[in-house]
Amino acid sequence: MFEAMASIVLGEHLAGEQFKPPIGSTGYSRSLTPGRRPYRTRDGYLCAMIYNDRQWRAFFRALGEPDRMERDARFASQGARLEHIDEVYGYLANTLMTRTTHEWLEIFEAADLPVAPLNDIDDLMEDPHLQQVGLLRPVQHPSEGEILSIGNPTE
């Protein structure tokens, strides 16, 4: 398990140390910036990933600002967004606080942008998809009676 998790982390963060000799340090700044986290909405939290030019254009169109990338150099390209990553994520955080989670989910889905509500444990217990696929299953334990078991997610 350790090797599996280390390969995922290092795949994201090996960065400049991948080259010999190294051309930089470890750590992917886009992932490590403090603004990369679930975003607060007016009534909860949202997990969203607006990453490439197409996605940013779709986001700005949904906001009624289709020319924002041309007007604001921080958003003009992938490189510019990375150079201003804290400001970009700060803008996104401030913008997403203006509406409810449900409103943003509808906007993101209509714009074909990656999004999901941030679930707490109780949300997961009641999630319609997890219920449909039977991830949580009642099983008969030999000494404890009926218990809830987590199914194999790769079945």
Protein backbone atom coordinates (compact mmCIF):
# COMPACT_ATOMS: atom_id res chain seq x y z
CA MET A 1 0.00 0.00 0.00
CA PHE A 2 2.85 2.38 0.83
CA GLU A 3 4.43 1.92 -2.60
CA ALA A 4 1.07 2.52 -4.31
CA MET A 5 0.49 5.79 -2.47
CA ALA A 6 4.12 6.91 -2.90
CA SER A 7 3.86 6.36 -6.67
CA ILE A 8 0.74 8.55 -6.82
CA VAL A 9 2.33 11.34 -4.75
CA LEU A 10 5.66 11.22 -6.59
CA GLY A 11 3.92 11.11 -9.96
CA GLU A 12 2.47 14.51 -9.12
CA HIS A 13 5.40 15.99 -7.21
CA LEU A 14 8.69 14.58 -8.54
CA ALA A 15 8.86 17.71 -10.72
CA GLY A 16 12.37 19.06 -11.30
CA GLU A 17 13.98 16.20 -9.40
CA GLN A 18 12.84 13.84 -12.18
CA PHE A 19 15.72 15.07 -14.33
CA LYS A 20 19.37 14.19 -13.79
CA PRO A 21 20.86 16.56 -12.98
CA PRO A 22 17.79 18.12 -11.36
CA ILE A 23 16.32 21.19 -13.07
CA GLY A 24 14.32 22.20 -10.01
CA SER A 25 13.00 21.01 -6.69
CA THR A 26 10.20 18.60 -5.90
CA GLY A 27 6.60 19.74 -5.62
CA TYR A 28 4.01 20.83 -8.17
CA SER A 29 3.15 24.43 -7.32
CA ARG A 30 -0.38 24.22 -8.78
CA SER A 31 -1.21 21.43 -6.33
CA LEU A 32 0.63 22.91 -3.36
CA THR A 33 -0.79 26.43 -3.50
CA PRO A 34 -2.99 27.19 -0.47
CA GLY A 35 -5.93 28.01 -2.75
CA ARG A 36 -6.19 24.48 -4.15
CA ARG A 37 -8.83 22.96 -1.95
CA PRO A 38 -12.58 22.59 -1.89
CA TYR A 39 -14.25 25.95 -2.35
CA ARG A 40 -16.80 27.45 0.02
CA THR A 41 -20.15 28.24 -1.55
CA ARG A 42 -22.95 30.22 0.02
CA ASP A 43 -24.24 27.07 1.74
CA GLY A 44 -21.51 24.43 1.65
CA TYR A 45 -18.45 23.37 -0.30
CA LEU A 46 -17.69 22.44 -3.88
CA CYS A 47 -14.84 20.51 -5.48
CA ALA A 48 -14.10 22.03 -8.87
CA MET A 49 -11.25 21.85 -11.34
CA ILE A 50 -11.05 24.52 -13.99
CA TYR A 51 -7.75 23.73 -15.62
CA ASN A 52 -7.29 24.27 -19.34
CA ASP A 53 -8.16 27.11 -21.72
CA ARG A 54 -11.39 25.47 -22.89
CA GLN A 55 -12.59 25.08 -19.30
CA TRP A 56 -11.72 28.64 -18.32
CA ARG A 57 -13.48 29.99 -21.42
CA ALA A 58 -16.57 27.91 -20.58
CA PHE A 59 -16.49 29.16 -16.98
CA PHE A 60 -16.23 32.79 -17.99
CA ARG A 61 -19.01 32.36 -20.59
CA ALA A 62 -21.21 30.89 -17.86
CA LEU A 63 -20.51 33.98 -15.75
CA GLY A 64 -21.39 36.28 -18.63
CA GLU A 65 -17.75 37.35 -19.13
CA PRO A 66 -16.77 35.62 -22.38
CA ASP A 67 -13.85 38.00 -23.00
CA ARG A 68 -12.32 37.75 -19.50
CA MET A 69 -9.28 35.77 -20.73
CA GLU A 70 -8.48 38.51 -23.22
CA ARG A 71 -9.03 41.31 -20.68
CA ASP A 72 -7.16 39.76 -17.75
CA ALA A 73 -3.60 38.64 -18.51
CA ARG A 74 -3.55 36.37 -15.44
CA PHE A 75 -6.01 34.06 -17.19
CA ALA A 76 -4.74 34.38 -20.78
CA SER A 77 -2.87 31.07 -20.92
CA GLN A 78 -1.91 27.99 -18.92
CA GLY A 79 1.50 29.54 -18.21
CA ALA A 80 0.00 32.84 -17.09
CA ARG A 81 -2.43 31.07 -14.76
CA LEU A 82 0.42 29.03 -13.25
CA GLU A 83 2.51 32.18 -12.78
CA HIS A 84 -0.44 33.80 -10.94
CA ILE A 85 -1.82 30.63 -9.39
CA ASP A 86 -2.58 32.11 -5.96
CA GLU A 87 -4.51 34.99 -7.55
CA VAL A 88 -6.33 32.65 -9.95
CA TYR A 89 -7.47 30.33 -7.17
CA GLY A 90 -8.28 33.34 -4.98
CA TYR A 91 -10.52 34.73 -7.72
CA LEU A 92 -12.22 31.36 -8.07
CA ALA A 93 -12.71 31.06 -4.30
CA ASN A 94 -14.28 34.52 -4.07
CA THR A 95 -16.52 33.89 -7.07
CA LEU A 96 -17.79 30.52 -5.83
CA MET A 97 -18.88 32.07 -2.50
CA THR A 98 -21.52 34.08 -4.36
CA ARG A 99 -23.96 31.21 -5.05
CA THR A 100 -25.20 28.00 -3.50
CA THR A 101 -23.62 24.62 -4.11
CA HIS A 102 -26.67 23.53 -6.09
CA GLU A 103 -26.56 26.64 -8.28
CA TRP A 104 -22.86 26.07 -9.04
CA LEU A 105 -23.41 22.39 -9.76
CA GLU A 106 -26.00 23.31 -12.38
CA ILE A 107 -23.73 25.97 -13.91
CA PHE A 108 -20.66 23.71 -14.01
CA GLU A 109 -22.58 20.75 -15.40
CA ALA A 110 -24.19 22.89 -18.13
CA ALA A 111 -20.71 24.20 -19.05
CA ASP A 112 -19.22 20.67 -19.02
CA LEU A 113 -16.78 21.49 -16.20
CA PRO A 114 -15.49 18.99 -13.62
CA VAL A 115 -17.37 19.49 -10.36
CA ALA A 116 -18.76 17.63 -7.36
CA PRO A 117 -20.17 18.64 -4.01
CA LEU A 118 -17.89 18.07 -1.03
CA ASN A 119 -19.44 15.20 0.87
CA ASP A 120 -19.19 14.51 4.55
CA ILE A 121 -19.40 10.97 5.89
CA ASP A 122 -23.18 11.07 6.32
CA ASP A 123 -23.55 12.31 2.72
CA LEU A 124 -21.59 9.28 1.53
CA MET A 125 -23.85 6.95 3.51
CA GLU A 126 -26.88 8.37 1.64
CA ASP A 127 -25.27 8.93 -1.77
CA PRO A 128 -27.63 7.69 -4.53
CA HIS A 129 -24.81 6.40 -6.73
CA LEU A 130 -23.16 4.46 -3.89
CA GLN A 131 -26.55 3.03 -2.98
CA GLN A 132 -27.22 2.03 -6.59
CA VAL A 133 -23.91 0.19 -6.97
CA GLY A 134 -24.28 -1.41 -3.53
CA LEU A 135 -20.98 -0.21 -2.09
CA LEU A 136 -22.36 -0.48 1.44
CA ARG A 137 -23.89 -3.90 2.00
CA PRO A 138 -25.56 -5.49 4.99
CA VAL A 139 -23.85 -8.78 5.88
CA GLN A 140 -24.41 -11.28 8.62
CA HIS A 141 -21.44 -11.39 11.00
CA PRO A 142 -21.05 -14.72 12.85
CA SER A 143 -20.96 -13.15 16.32
CA GLU A 144 -22.19 -9.55 15.90
CA GLY A 145 -25.29 -10.04 13.79
CA GLU A 146 -26.05 -7.80 10.86
CA ILE A 147 -23.36 -5.22 10.13
CA LEU A 148 -22.67 -2.86 7.26
CA SER A 149 -19.79 -3.92 5.05
CA ILE A 150 -17.96 -1.93 2.38
CA GLY A 151 -17.97 -3.74 -0.93
CA ASN A 152 -15.08 -3.97 -3.36
CA PRO A 153 -15.16 -0.75 -5.42
CA THR A 154 -13.58 -2.47 -8.43
CA GLU A 155 -16.22 -5.19 -8.83
